[in-house]
Amino acid sequence: MRGSNPDKFADRQGDAQKARQTQLEKVRAKMAEVAAKKPQLDAERARIAKERAEREEQRRIEKEARAKKEAEEREAARLAAEAAAREEAEAKEREKVERLKAHAQLLADQKAARDARYAARKARQK
């Protein structure tokens, strides 16, 4: 800007035009640099997107496997609970049958004792 007279409008316009041109050249150089790197950046972005998709797919597969395993465990627990309940019911039924048999035996013993006493009394009366 040396040699220009800031008091003259044409000089100021020329200086502004040179400054705009310099800025425009800087931007164009930067855009050319970005355009040269664009294929590399696009390839990098594609690689990152592919890796992300693979990770998401892996997580989805793991989640499905976990859900399947949990469902199998719940089913196994349900079957075990049903088997335990069935076994408990059978044990209660066996215990009930044993109590009934013991009660029937007690009644039979009491009747036999009564009959024996009755027979002894009749034998004494004769």
N, C-alpha and C. Protein backbone atom coordinates (compact mmCIF):
# COMPACT_ATOMS: atom_id res chain seq x y z
N MET A 1 0.81 -1.17 0.00
CA MET A 1 0.00 0.00 0.00
C MET A 1 0.87 1.26 0.00
N ARG A 2 2.09 1.05 -0.06
CA ARG A 2 2.95 2.21 -0.15
C ARG A 2 2.74 2.91 -1.48
N GLY A 3 2.88 4.09 -1.42
CA GLY A 3 2.74 4.86 -2.63
C GLY A 3 1.31 5.23 -2.92
N SER A 4 0.38 4.72 -2.13
CA SER A 4 -0.99 5.11 -2.37
C SER A 4 -1.33 6.27 -1.44
N ASN A 5 -2.17 7.05 -1.90
CA ASN A 5 -2.58 8.21 -1.13
C ASN A 5 -3.94 7.90 -0.53
N PRO A 6 -4.04 7.77 0.81
CA PRO A 6 -5.30 7.43 1.42
C PRO A 6 -6.34 8.52 1.29
N ASP A 7 -5.92 9.66 0.89
CA ASP A 7 -6.87 10.76 0.75
C ASP A 7 -7.65 10.65 -0.55
N LYS A 8 -7.14 9.90 -1.51
CA LYS A 8 -7.82 9.81 -2.81
C LYS A 8 -8.75 8.58 -2.81
N PHE A 9 -9.97 8.78 -3.24
CA PHE A 9 -10.98 7.73 -3.25
C PHE A 9 -10.58 6.57 -4.14
N ALA A 10 -10.02 6.85 -5.29
CA ALA A 10 -9.62 5.80 -6.23
C ALA A 10 -8.53 4.93 -5.63
N ASP A 11 -7.61 5.51 -4.89
CA ASP A 11 -6.55 4.73 -4.25
C ASP A 11 -7.15 3.81 -3.17
N ARG A 12 -8.09 4.38 -2.41
CA ARG A 12 -8.73 3.57 -1.37
C ARG A 12 -9.52 2.42 -1.99
N GLN A 13 -10.20 2.70 -3.08
CA GLN A 13 -10.94 1.64 -3.78
C GLN A 13 -9.99 0.58 -4.31
N GLY A 14 -8.90 0.99 -4.86
CA GLY A 14 -7.91 0.05 -5.39
C GLY A 14 -7.32 -0.81 -4.28
N ASP A 15 -7.02 -0.17 -3.15
CA ASP A 15 -6.48 -0.92 -2.00
C ASP A 15 -7.51 -1.95 -1.50
N ALA A 16 -8.77 -1.54 -1.42
CA ALA A 16 -9.81 -2.46 -0.97
C ALA A 16 -9.96 -3.61 -1.95
N GLN A 17 -9.91 -3.32 -3.24
CA GLN A 17 -10.01 -4.36 -4.27
C GLN A 17 -8.85 -5.34 -4.16
N LYS A 18 -7.64 -4.85 -3.92
CA LYS A 18 -6.47 -5.72 -3.76
C LYS A 18 -6.64 -6.61 -2.52
N ALA A 19 -7.15 -6.03 -1.44
CA ALA A 19 -7.36 -6.80 -0.21
C ALA A 19 -8.41 -7.90 -0.44
N ARG A 20 -9.50 -7.56 -1.13
CA ARG A 20 -10.52 -8.55 -1.43
C ARG A 20 -9.96 -9.66 -2.31
N GLN A 21 -9.15 -9.27 -3.28
CA GLN A 21 -8.55 -10.25 -4.19
C GLN A 21 -7.61 -11.18 -3.42
N THR A 22 -6.83 -10.64 -2.50
CA THR A 22 -5.93 -11.45 -1.68
C THR A 22 -6.74 -12.45 -0.83
N GLN A 23 -7.80 -11.96 -0.21
CA GLN A 23 -8.66 -12.84 0.59
C GLN A 23 -9.27 -13.94 -0.28
N LEU A 24 -9.74 -13.57 -1.47
CA LEU A 24 -10.33 -14.53 -2.39
C LEU A 24 -9.31 -15.59 -2.80
N GLU A 25 -8.07 -15.19 -3.05
CA GLU A 25 -7.02 -16.14 -3.42
C GLU A 25 -6.72 -17.10 -2.27
N LYS A 26 -6.74 -16.58 -1.03
CA LYS A 26 -6.52 -17.45 0.14
C LYS A 26 -7.64 -18.49 0.25
N VAL A 27 -8.89 -18.04 0.05
CA VAL A 27 -10.02 -18.95 0.15
C VAL A 27 -9.97 -20.00 -0.95
N ARG A 28 -9.63 -19.56 -2.17
CA ARG A 28 -9.54 -20.51 -3.28
C ARG A 28 -8.43 -21.53 -3.04
N ALA A 29 -7.29 -21.10 -2.47
CA ALA A 29 -6.20 -22.03 -2.17
C ALA A 29 -6.66 -23.04 -1.12
N LYS A 30 -7.38 -22.54 -0.11
CA LYS A 30 -7.89 -23.43 0.95
C LYS A 30 -8.90 -24.43 0.36
N MET A 31 -9.78 -23.96 -0.52
CA MET A 31 -10.77 -24.84 -1.14
C MET A 31 -10.08 -25.87 -2.03
N ALA A 32 -9.04 -25.48 -2.73
CA ALA A 32 -8.31 -26.43 -3.56
C ALA A 32 -7.66 -27.50 -2.69
N GLU A 33 -7.12 -27.06 -1.55
CA GLU A 33 -6.51 -28.02 -0.62
C GLU A 33 -7.56 -28.99 -0.08
N VAL A 34 -8.73 -28.46 0.29
CA VAL A 34 -9.82 -29.30 0.80
C VAL A 34 -10.31 -30.25 -0.30
N ALA A 35 -10.43 -29.74 -1.53
CA ALA A 35 -10.89 -30.57 -2.64
C ALA A 35 -9.89 -31.69 -2.91
N ALA A 36 -8.59 -31.42 -2.73
CA ALA A 36 -7.58 -32.46 -2.95
C ALA A 36 -7.68 -33.54 -1.88
N LYS A 37 -8.06 -33.15 -0.65
CA LYS A 37 -8.16 -34.11 0.45
C LYS A 37 -9.51 -34.80 0.51
N LYS A 38 -10.49 -34.32 -0.26
CA LYS A 38 -11.85 -34.85 -0.19
C LYS A 38 -11.93 -36.36 -0.39
N PRO A 39 -11.29 -36.94 -1.41
CA PRO A 39 -11.39 -38.41 -1.55
C PRO A 39 -10.86 -39.15 -0.32
N GLN A 40 -9.76 -38.65 0.25
CA GLN A 40 -9.23 -39.29 1.46
C GLN A 40 -10.22 -39.16 2.61
N LEU A 41 -10.78 -37.98 2.77
CA LEU A 41 -11.74 -37.78 3.86
C LEU A 41 -12.99 -38.63 3.66
N ASP A 42 -13.47 -38.69 2.40
CA ASP A 42 -14.64 -39.53 2.11
C ASP A 42 -14.35 -41.00 2.41
N ALA A 43 -13.15 -41.45 2.02
CA ALA A 43 -12.78 -42.85 2.29
C ALA A 43 -12.70 -43.09 3.79
N GLU A 44 -12.15 -42.15 4.53
CA GLU A 44 -12.05 -42.28 5.99
C GLU A 44 -13.45 -42.33 6.61
N ARG A 45 -14.33 -41.44 6.16
CA ARG A 45 -15.70 -41.43 6.68
C ARG A 45 -16.42 -42.73 6.35
N ALA A 46 -16.21 -43.25 5.16
CA ALA A 46 -16.85 -44.51 4.77
C ALA A 46 -16.32 -45.66 5.64
N ARG A 47 -15.02 -45.65 5.90
CA ARG A 47 -14.42 -46.69 6.75
C ARG A 47 -15.00 -46.61 8.17
N ILE A 48 -15.10 -45.41 8.69
CA ILE A 48 -15.65 -45.22 10.04
C ILE A 48 -17.11 -45.67 10.08
N ALA A 49 -17.88 -45.30 9.06
CA ALA A 49 -19.28 -45.70 9.01
C ALA A 49 -19.41 -47.22 8.94
N LYS A 50 -18.53 -47.85 8.16
CA LYS A 50 -18.57 -49.31 8.04
C LYS A 50 -18.24 -49.97 9.38
N GLU A 51 -17.22 -49.45 10.06
CA GLU A 51 -16.85 -50.01 11.37
C GLU A 51 -17.99 -49.82 12.37
N ARG A 52 -18.63 -48.65 12.33
CA ARG A 52 -19.75 -48.40 13.23
C ARG A 52 -20.89 -49.38 12.95
N ALA A 53 -21.18 -49.59 11.67
CA ALA A 53 -22.24 -50.53 11.31
C ALA A 53 -21.90 -51.94 11.78
N GLU A 54 -20.63 -52.32 11.67
CA GLU A 54 -20.21 -53.65 12.12
C GLU A 54 -20.37 -53.78 13.63
N ARG A 55 -19.98 -52.72 14.36
CA ARG A 55 -20.13 -52.75 15.82
C ARG A 55 -21.60 -52.84 16.21
N GLU A 56 -22.44 -52.06 15.53
CA GLU A 56 -23.87 -52.11 15.83
C GLU A 56 -24.45 -53.49 15.53
N GLU A 57 -24.03 -54.08 14.44
CA GLU A 57 -24.51 -55.42 14.08
C GLU A 57 -24.05 -56.43 15.13
N GLN A 58 -22.80 -56.30 15.57
CA GLN A 58 -22.27 -57.21 16.60
C GLN A 58 -23.07 -57.05 17.90
N ARG A 59 -23.34 -55.79 18.28
CA ARG A 59 -24.13 -55.56 19.50
C ARG A 59 -25.53 -56.13 19.36
N ARG A 60 -26.13 -56.00 18.17
CA ARG A 60 -27.47 -56.54 17.95
C ARG A 60 -27.46 -58.06 18.08
N ILE A 61 -26.44 -58.69 17.50
CA ILE A 61 -26.32 -60.15 17.59
C ILE A 61 -26.14 -60.58 19.04
N GLU A 62 -25.28 -59.86 19.77
CA GLU A 62 -25.05 -60.20 21.18
C GLU A 62 -26.32 -60.01 22.00
N LYS A 63 -27.06 -58.94 21.69
CA LYS A 63 -28.29 -58.68 22.42
C LYS A 63 -29.31 -59.78 22.16
N GLU A 64 -29.43 -60.22 20.90
CA GLU A 64 -30.34 -61.32 20.59
C GLU A 64 -29.92 -62.60 21.29
N ALA A 65 -28.60 -62.86 21.31
CA ALA A 65 -28.10 -64.07 21.98
C ALA A 65 -28.40 -64.01 23.48
N ARG A 66 -28.19 -62.82 24.08
CA ARG A 66 -28.50 -62.66 25.50
C ARG A 66 -29.98 -62.87 25.76
N ALA A 67 -30.81 -62.29 24.91
CA ALA A 67 -32.27 -62.44 25.09
C ALA A 67 -32.67 -63.90 24.96
N LYS A 68 -32.09 -64.60 23.99
CA LYS A 68 -32.41 -66.02 23.80
C LYS A 68 -31.96 -66.84 25.02
N LYS A 69 -30.76 -66.54 25.51
CA LYS A 69 -30.24 -67.26 26.67
C LYS A 69 -31.11 -67.00 27.90
N GLU A 70 -31.51 -65.74 28.09
CA GLU A 70 -32.36 -65.41 29.23
C GLU A 70 -33.72 -66.10 29.11
N ALA A 71 -34.26 -66.17 27.90
CA ALA A 71 -35.54 -66.85 27.70
C ALA A 71 -35.40 -68.34 28.02
N GLU A 72 -34.30 -68.93 27.59
CA GLU A 72 -34.06 -70.35 27.90
C GLU A 72 -33.92 -70.57 29.40
N GLU A 73 -33.21 -69.65 30.07
CA GLU A 73 -33.04 -69.76 31.52
C GLU A 73 -34.38 -69.61 32.24
N ARG A 74 -35.19 -68.64 31.77
CA ARG A 74 -36.52 -68.48 32.39
C ARG A 74 -37.36 -69.73 32.19
N GLU A 75 -37.31 -70.32 30.99
CA GLU A 75 -38.08 -71.53 30.72
C GLU A 75 -37.59 -72.68 31.59
N ALA A 76 -36.27 -72.80 31.73
CA ALA A 76 -35.71 -73.86 32.57
C ALA A 76 -36.12 -73.65 34.03
N ALA A 77 -36.11 -72.40 34.48
CA ALA A 77 -36.51 -72.11 35.86
C ALA A 77 -38.00 -72.42 36.05
N ARG A 78 -38.81 -72.09 35.04
CA ARG A 78 -40.24 -72.38 35.14
C ARG A 78 -40.48 -73.88 35.21
N LEU A 79 -39.77 -74.64 34.35
CA LEU A 79 -39.92 -76.10 34.36
C LEU A 79 -39.45 -76.68 35.69
N ALA A 80 -38.35 -76.15 36.22
CA ALA A 80 -37.85 -76.64 37.51
C ALA A 80 -38.86 -76.33 38.61
N ALA A 81 -39.45 -75.15 38.57
CA ALA A 81 -40.44 -74.79 39.58
C ALA A 81 -41.67 -75.69 39.48
N GLU A 82 -42.09 -75.97 38.24
CA GLU A 82 -43.23 -76.87 38.06
C GLU A 82 -42.90 -78.26 38.58
N ALA A 83 -41.68 -78.74 38.29
CA ALA A 83 -41.28 -80.07 38.75
C ALA A 83 -41.23 -80.11 40.28
N ALA A 84 -40.70 -79.04 40.88
CA ALA A 84 -40.62 -78.98 42.34
C ALA A 84 -42.02 -78.96 42.94
N ALA A 85 -42.91 -78.18 42.34
CA ALA A 85 -44.28 -78.12 42.85
C ALA A 85 -44.97 -79.47 42.70
N ARG A 86 -44.75 -80.13 41.58
CA ARG A 86 -45.35 -81.45 41.35
C ARG A 86 -44.79 -82.45 42.38
N GLU A 87 -43.49 -82.41 42.60
CA GLU A 87 -42.86 -83.32 43.56
C GLU A 87 -43.38 -83.05 44.98
N GLU A 88 -43.56 -81.78 45.30
CA GLU A 88 -44.08 -81.41 46.62
C GLU A 88 -45.51 -81.91 46.77
N ALA A 89 -46.31 -81.77 45.72
CA ALA A 89 -47.69 -82.25 45.78
C ALA A 89 -47.73 -83.77 45.95
N GLU A 90 -46.84 -84.46 45.23
CA GLU A 90 -46.78 -85.92 45.36
C GLU A 90 -46.36 -86.32 46.77
N ALA A 91 -45.40 -85.58 47.35
CA ALA A 91 -44.95 -85.89 48.71
C ALA A 91 -46.09 -85.67 49.70
N LYS A 92 -46.85 -84.59 49.50
CA LYS A 92 -47.98 -84.34 50.39
C LYS A 92 -49.03 -85.44 50.25
N GLU A 93 -49.25 -85.87 49.02
CA GLU A 93 -50.23 -86.94 48.78
C GLU A 93 -49.76 -88.23 49.44
N ARG A 94 -48.46 -88.56 49.31
CA ARG A 94 -47.93 -89.77 49.96
C ARG A 94 -48.08 -89.67 51.48
N GLU A 95 -47.79 -88.49 52.01
CA GLU A 95 -47.91 -88.29 53.46
C GLU A 95 -49.37 -88.46 53.90
N LYS A 96 -50.29 -87.94 53.10
CA LYS A 96 -51.71 -88.07 53.42
C LYS A 96 -52.13 -89.53 53.40
N VAL A 97 -51.68 -90.28 52.39
CA VAL A 97 -51.99 -91.71 52.29
C VAL A 97 -51.41 -92.45 53.49
N GLU A 98 -50.18 -92.12 53.88
CA GLU A 98 -49.56 -92.78 55.04
C GLU A 98 -50.35 -92.48 56.32
N ARG A 99 -50.78 -91.21 56.47
CA ARG A 99 -51.58 -90.88 57.65
C ARG A 99 -52.90 -91.65 57.65
N LEU A 100 -53.53 -91.76 56.48
CA LEU A 100 -54.80 -92.51 56.41
C LEU A 100 -54.58 -93.99 56.73
N LYS A 101 -53.49 -94.55 56.20
CA LYS A 101 -53.18 -95.96 56.52
C LYS A 101 -52.92 -96.14 58.00
N ALA A 102 -52.17 -95.20 58.59
CA ALA A 102 -51.87 -95.30 60.03
C ALA A 102 -53.16 -95.19 60.84
N HIS A 103 -54.03 -94.29 60.43
CA HIS A 103 -55.30 -94.12 61.14
C HIS A 103 -56.17 -95.37 61.00
N ALA A 104 -56.20 -95.94 59.78
CA ALA A 104 -56.98 -97.17 59.56
C ALA A 104 -56.40 -98.30 60.40
N GLN A 105 -55.07 -98.38 60.50
CA GLN A 105 -54.44 -99.42 61.32
C GLN A 105 -54.77 -99.22 62.79
N LEU A 106 -54.76 -97.96 63.23
CA LEU A 106 -55.10 -97.66 64.62
C LEU A 106 -56.54 -98.08 64.92
N LEU A 107 -57.45 -97.74 64.00
CA LEU A 107 -58.85 -98.14 64.20
C LEU A 107 -59.00 -99.66 64.22
N ALA A 108 -58.26 -100.33 63.34
CA ALA A 108 -58.33 -101.80 63.31
C ALA A 108 -57.78 -102.37 64.61
N ASP A 109 -56.67 -101.82 65.12
CA ASP A 109 -56.11 -102.30 66.39
C ASP A 109 -57.08 -102.07 67.55
N GLN A 110 -57.70 -100.89 67.55
CA GLN A 110 -58.66 -100.59 68.62
C GLN A 110 -59.85 -101.56 68.56
N LYS A 111 -60.32 -101.84 67.34
CA LYS A 111 -61.45 -102.77 67.20
C LYS A 111 -61.04 -104.17 67.65
N ALA A 112 -59.82 -104.56 67.28
CA ALA A 112 -59.36 -105.90 67.69
C ALA A 112 -59.27 -105.98 69.22
N ALA A 113 -58.80 -104.90 69.85
CA ALA A 113 -58.70 -104.88 71.31
C ALA A 113 -60.09 -104.95 71.93
N ARG A 114 -61.04 -104.17 71.36
CA ARG A 114 -62.41 -104.20 71.85
C ARG A 114 -63.00 -105.60 71.73
N ASP A 115 -62.80 -106.20 70.54
CA ASP A 115 -63.34 -107.54 70.31
C ASP A 115 -62.72 -108.54 71.28
N ALA A 116 -61.42 -108.38 71.54
CA ALA A 116 -60.75 -109.29 72.47
C ALA A 116 -61.33 -109.13 73.87
N ARG A 117 -61.56 -107.87 74.29
CA ARG A 117 -62.15 -107.64 75.60
C ARG A 117 -63.58 -108.22 75.67
N TYR A 118 -64.33 -108.04 74.60
CA TYR A 118 -65.69 -108.56 74.55
C TYR A 118 -65.69 -110.08 74.63
N ALA A 119 -64.78 -110.71 73.86
CA ALA A 119 -64.70 -112.17 73.87
C ALA A 119 -64.27 -112.66 75.25
N ALA A 120 -63.36 -111.94 75.90
CA ALA A 120 -62.92 -112.35 77.23
C ALA A 120 -64.06 -112.23 78.22
N ARG A 121 -64.82 -111.16 78.14
CA ARG A 121 -65.96 -110.97 79.03
C ARG A 121 -66.98 -112.08 78.83
N LYS A 122 -67.29 -112.42 77.57
CA LYS A 122 -68.24 -113.49 77.29
C LYS A 122 -67.71 -114.82 77.80
N ALA A 123 -66.40 -115.03 77.69
CA ALA A 123 -65.83 -116.28 78.14
C ALA A 123 -65.91 -116.40 79.65
N ARG A 124 -65.75 -115.26 80.37
CA ARG A 124 -65.86 -115.28 81.81
C ARG A 124 -67.28 -115.55 82.27
N GLN A 125 -68.28 -115.09 81.50
CA GLN A 125 -69.68 -115.28 81.87
C GLN A 125 -70.13 -116.70 81.71
N LYS A 126 -69.52 -117.47 80.96
CA LYS A 126 -69.97 -118.85 80.74
C LYS A 126 -69.49 -119.78 81.78
